[in-house]
Amino acid sequence: MLKLGLTGGIGSGKSTVARILAVLGAQVIDADAISRNITAAQGAGIEALREAFGNKAIAADGSLDREWMRQLVFSDQTAKARLEKIVHPLVGQEIVRQTAQAQSARTPCLVLDIPLLVESGYWRERFHRILVVDCPIQTQIERVERRSKLSSEAVQAIIASQCTRQQRLQAADFVVYNQGKSVDEIGSELARLTREFGL
């Protein structure tokens, strides 16, 4: 089973690429989706987060107050470390479980969608190939502003907290440039690429 690491900066279009890869026959494990489940109401991480950060970290619906936490971790590196110490092991456990399922099902290509893959010394060594979705930084900002309530400054702060575009491209075995292309064009590009993976 080929393990393909998929990554890209916020607003790069990584989720679109993941959906196309799934249509082409890959099994996709989405680390962000797992993290959201863990921090949802009654999620596996909620009580540990409440204990670490207090009731103010929990929204009225019982889920993690993501905006409150985002502001905290941008201003306090120790809070970021505490958050990651709770959430990352739980995400890792679920990824291991889903990977074992894919191996049992003899999936030819497993795609692990990891937003901070390049930043992480842990994940980079666990893939046969790394696929990076790339676009200009200004495009990232515009896309995230359109889809969220975040200001341009907030989006730029998120981008600044991630690795640089150059660092991401240096880590890539393959790059999908997601600017000025239709979904069909990206799909055709990925179809050619994934033929190398047995899809």
Protein backbone atom coordinates (compact mmCIF):
# COMPACT_ATOMS: atom_id res chain seq x y z
CA MET A 1 0.00 0.00 0.00
CA LEU A 2 1.45 3.33 -1.05
CA LYS A 3 1.18 6.00 1.65
CA LEU A 4 0.86 9.48 0.23
CA GLY A 5 1.16 12.51 2.51
CA LEU A 6 -1.03 15.38 1.34
CA THR A 7 -0.42 18.88 2.62
CA GLY A 8 -0.70 22.56 1.76
CA GLY A 9 -1.12 25.90 3.46
CA ILE A 10 -4.49 27.15 4.63
CA GLY A 11 -6.64 28.12 1.63
CA SER A 12 -4.45 26.24 -0.86
CA GLY A 13 -7.29 23.95 -1.97
CA LYS A 14 -6.00 20.83 -0.24
CA SER A 15 -9.53 19.64 0.62
CA THR A 16 -10.53 19.82 -3.06
CA VAL A 17 -7.51 17.71 -4.02
CA ALA A 18 -8.34 15.19 -1.25
CA ARG A 19 -11.91 14.82 -2.56
CA ILE A 20 -10.64 14.21 -6.11
CA LEU A 21 -8.15 11.61 -4.89
CA ALA A 22 -10.98 9.81 -3.08
CA VAL A 23 -13.03 9.75 -6.30
CA LEU A 24 -10.00 8.33 -8.12
CA GLY A 25 -9.93 5.40 -5.68
CA ALA A 26 -7.61 6.42 -2.87
CA GLN A 27 -8.66 6.10 0.75
CA VAL A 28 -8.30 9.48 2.44
CA ILE A 29 -7.65 9.99 6.14
CA ASP A 30 -8.33 13.61 7.10
CA ALA A 31 -6.40 14.68 10.21
CA ASP A 32 -8.39 17.90 10.50
CA ALA A 33 -11.70 16.03 10.44
CA ILE A 34 -10.42 13.66 13.13
CA SER A 35 -9.33 16.64 15.24
CA ARG A 36 -12.77 18.25 14.87
CA ASN A 37 -14.45 15.02 16.02
CA ILE A 38 -12.14 14.80 19.03
CA THR A 39 -12.98 18.39 20.02
CA ALA A 40 -16.71 18.17 19.23
CA ALA A 41 -19.32 17.94 21.98
CA GLN A 42 -18.68 14.68 23.88
CA GLY A 43 -15.53 14.16 21.80
CA ALA A 44 -12.65 12.14 23.21
CA GLY A 45 -10.62 15.23 24.07
CA ILE A 46 -13.24 17.52 25.57
CA GLU A 47 -12.86 16.66 29.25
CA ALA A 48 -9.06 16.83 29.09
CA LEU A 49 -9.34 20.23 27.38
CA ARG A 50 -11.76 21.44 30.03
CA GLU A 51 -9.38 20.32 32.76
CA ALA A 52 -6.39 21.99 31.07
CA PHE A 53 -8.01 25.30 30.07
CA GLY A 54 -11.17 25.65 32.16
CA ASN A 55 -14.84 25.97 31.19
CA LYS A 56 -14.08 29.10 29.16
CA ALA A 57 -12.49 26.84 26.53
CA ILE A 58 -15.78 25.03 25.96
CA ALA A 59 -18.54 26.58 23.84
CA ALA A 60 -22.23 26.56 24.79
CA ASP A 61 -22.85 23.48 22.64
CA GLY A 62 -20.22 21.49 24.54
CA SER A 63 -17.55 21.60 21.83
CA LEU A 64 -14.17 23.29 21.96
CA ASP A 65 -14.52 27.05 21.46
CA ARG A 66 -12.21 27.12 18.45
CA GLU A 67 -12.08 30.91 18.11
CA TRP A 68 -11.21 31.36 21.80
CA MET A 69 -8.52 28.70 21.51
CA ARG A 70 -7.15 30.15 18.26
CA GLN A 71 -6.64 33.52 19.91
CA LEU A 72 -5.05 31.94 22.98
CA VAL A 73 -2.50 29.80 21.14
CA PHE A 74 -1.42 32.65 18.89
CA SER A 75 -0.52 34.70 21.95
CA ASP A 76 0.75 31.92 24.23
CA GLN A 77 3.13 29.22 23.02
CA THR A 78 2.77 27.25 26.25
CA ALA A 79 -1.00 27.03 25.65
CA LYS A 80 -0.31 25.77 22.13
CA ALA A 81 1.95 23.06 23.55
CA ARG A 82 -0.69 22.03 26.11
CA LEU A 83 -3.36 21.86 23.39
CA GLU A 84 -1.16 19.75 21.12
CA LYS A 85 -0.22 17.41 23.98
CA ILE A 86 -3.92 16.59 24.42
CA VAL A 87 -5.15 16.52 20.82
CA HIS A 88 -2.21 15.14 18.80
CA PRO A 89 -1.98 11.72 20.51
CA LEU A 90 -5.73 11.19 20.06
CA VAL A 91 -5.49 12.15 16.38
CA GLY A 92 -2.52 9.80 16.00
CA GLN A 93 -4.41 6.89 17.56
CA GLU A 94 -7.32 7.33 15.15
CA ILE A 95 -4.98 7.60 12.16
CA VAL A 96 -3.32 4.33 13.20
CA ARG A 97 -6.75 2.68 13.47
CA GLN A 98 -7.89 3.90 10.04
CA THR A 99 -4.55 2.95 8.47
CA ALA A 100 -4.89 -0.60 9.78
CA GLN A 101 -8.38 -0.78 8.26
CA ALA A 102 -7.00 0.35 4.89
CA GLN A 103 -4.25 -2.26 5.03
CA SER A 104 -6.79 -4.99 5.84
CA ALA A 105 -8.90 -3.86 2.88
CA ARG A 106 -5.80 -3.95 0.62
CA THR A 107 -6.25 -0.33 -0.38
CA PRO A 108 -3.68 0.44 -3.13
CA CYS A 109 -3.15 4.06 -2.07
CA LEU A 110 -3.74 5.65 1.31
CA VAL A 111 -3.76 9.45 1.39
CA LEU A 112 -3.15 11.10 4.74
CA ASP A 113 -4.28 14.71 4.68
CA ILE A 114 -2.01 16.38 7.26
CA PRO A 115 -2.09 20.21 7.32
CA LEU A 116 1.18 20.58 9.29
CA LEU A 117 2.98 17.65 7.70
CA VAL A 118 6.11 19.61 6.77
CA GLU A 119 6.29 21.26 10.19
CA SER A 120 6.13 17.88 11.92
CA GLY A 121 9.24 15.78 12.29
CA TYR A 122 6.96 12.85 13.12
CA TRP A 123 4.87 12.58 9.95
CA ARG A 124 7.37 13.38 7.22
CA GLU A 125 9.23 10.09 7.60
CA ARG A 126 6.08 7.96 7.43
CA PHE A 127 5.15 8.45 3.77
CA HIS A 128 6.40 7.02 0.52
CA ARG A 129 5.64 10.28 -1.28
CA ILE A 130 4.54 13.82 -0.35
CA LEU A 131 2.06 15.77 -2.47
CA VAL A 132 1.89 19.53 -1.87
CA VAL A 133 -0.99 21.73 -3.01
CA ASP A 134 0.39 25.17 -3.76
CA CYS A 135 -0.88 28.64 -4.64
CA PRO A 136 0.21 32.26 -4.08
CA ILE A 137 -0.12 33.59 -0.54
CA GLN A 138 -2.49 36.35 -1.62
CA THR A 139 -4.80 33.68 -3.09
CA GLN A 140 -4.71 31.83 0.24
CA ILE A 141 -5.75 35.00 2.08
CA GLU A 142 -8.59 35.77 -0.33
CA ARG A 143 -9.97 32.22 -0.24
CA VAL A 144 -9.97 31.99 3.55
CA GLU A 145 -11.56 35.43 3.92
CA ARG A 146 -14.36 34.38 1.56
CA ARG A 147 -15.13 31.14 3.37
CA SER A 148 -14.73 32.32 6.98
CA LYS A 149 -15.33 35.29 9.23
CA LEU A 150 -11.60 35.81 9.74
CA SER A 151 -10.00 39.15 8.93
CA SER A 152 -7.10 39.46 6.51
CA GLU A 153 -4.80 40.04 9.50
CA ALA A 154 -6.02 36.87 11.22
CA VAL A 155 -5.48 34.81 8.07
CA GLN A 156 -2.00 36.24 7.65
CA ALA A 157 -1.22 35.31 11.26
CA ILE A 158 -2.26 31.71 10.57
CA ILE A 159 -0.09 31.62 7.43
CA ALA A 160 2.84 33.06 9.39
CA SER A 161 2.45 30.30 12.01
CA GLN A 162 2.85 27.63 9.32
CA CYS A 163 6.03 26.76 7.44
CA THR A 164 6.91 28.92 4.44
CA ARG A 165 5.72 28.18 0.94
CA GLN A 166 9.34 27.48 -0.06
CA GLN A 167 9.82 24.97 2.77
CA ARG A 168 6.68 23.14 1.70
CA LEU A 169 7.75 22.98 -1.94
CA GLN A 170 11.21 21.71 -0.96
CA ALA A 171 9.59 18.80 0.89
CA ALA A 172 7.37 17.83 -2.06
CA ASP A 173 7.73 14.86 -4.35
CA PHE A 174 4.78 16.15 -6.36
CA VAL A 175 3.16 19.58 -6.55
CA VAL A 176 -0.34 20.51 -7.69
CA TYR A 177 -0.46 24.23 -8.47
CA ASN A 178 -4.00 25.32 -7.63
CA GLN A 179 -4.33 28.72 -9.24
CA GLY A 180 -6.34 29.53 -12.35
CA LYS A 181 -7.39 25.91 -12.91
CA SER A 182 -10.84 24.36 -12.94
CA VAL A 183 -11.67 21.36 -10.76
CA ASP A 184 -11.77 19.24 -13.95
CA GLU A 185 -8.26 20.36 -14.90
CA ILE A 186 -6.94 19.51 -11.46
CA GLY A 187 -8.77 16.17 -11.67
CA SER A 188 -7.08 15.33 -14.99
CA GLU A 189 -3.69 16.25 -13.54
CA LEU A 190 -4.27 14.04 -10.49
CA ALA A 191 -5.55 11.17 -12.64
CA ARG A 192 -2.27 11.18 -14.57
CA LEU A 193 -0.30 11.34 -11.35
CA THR A 194 -2.16 8.58 -9.52
CA ARG A 195 -1.68 6.09 -12.33
CA GLU A 196 1.84 5.81 -10.87
CA PHE A 197 0.21 4.71 -7.59
CA GLY A 198 -1.81 1.88 -9.10
CA LEU A 199 -5.17 3.70 -9.14
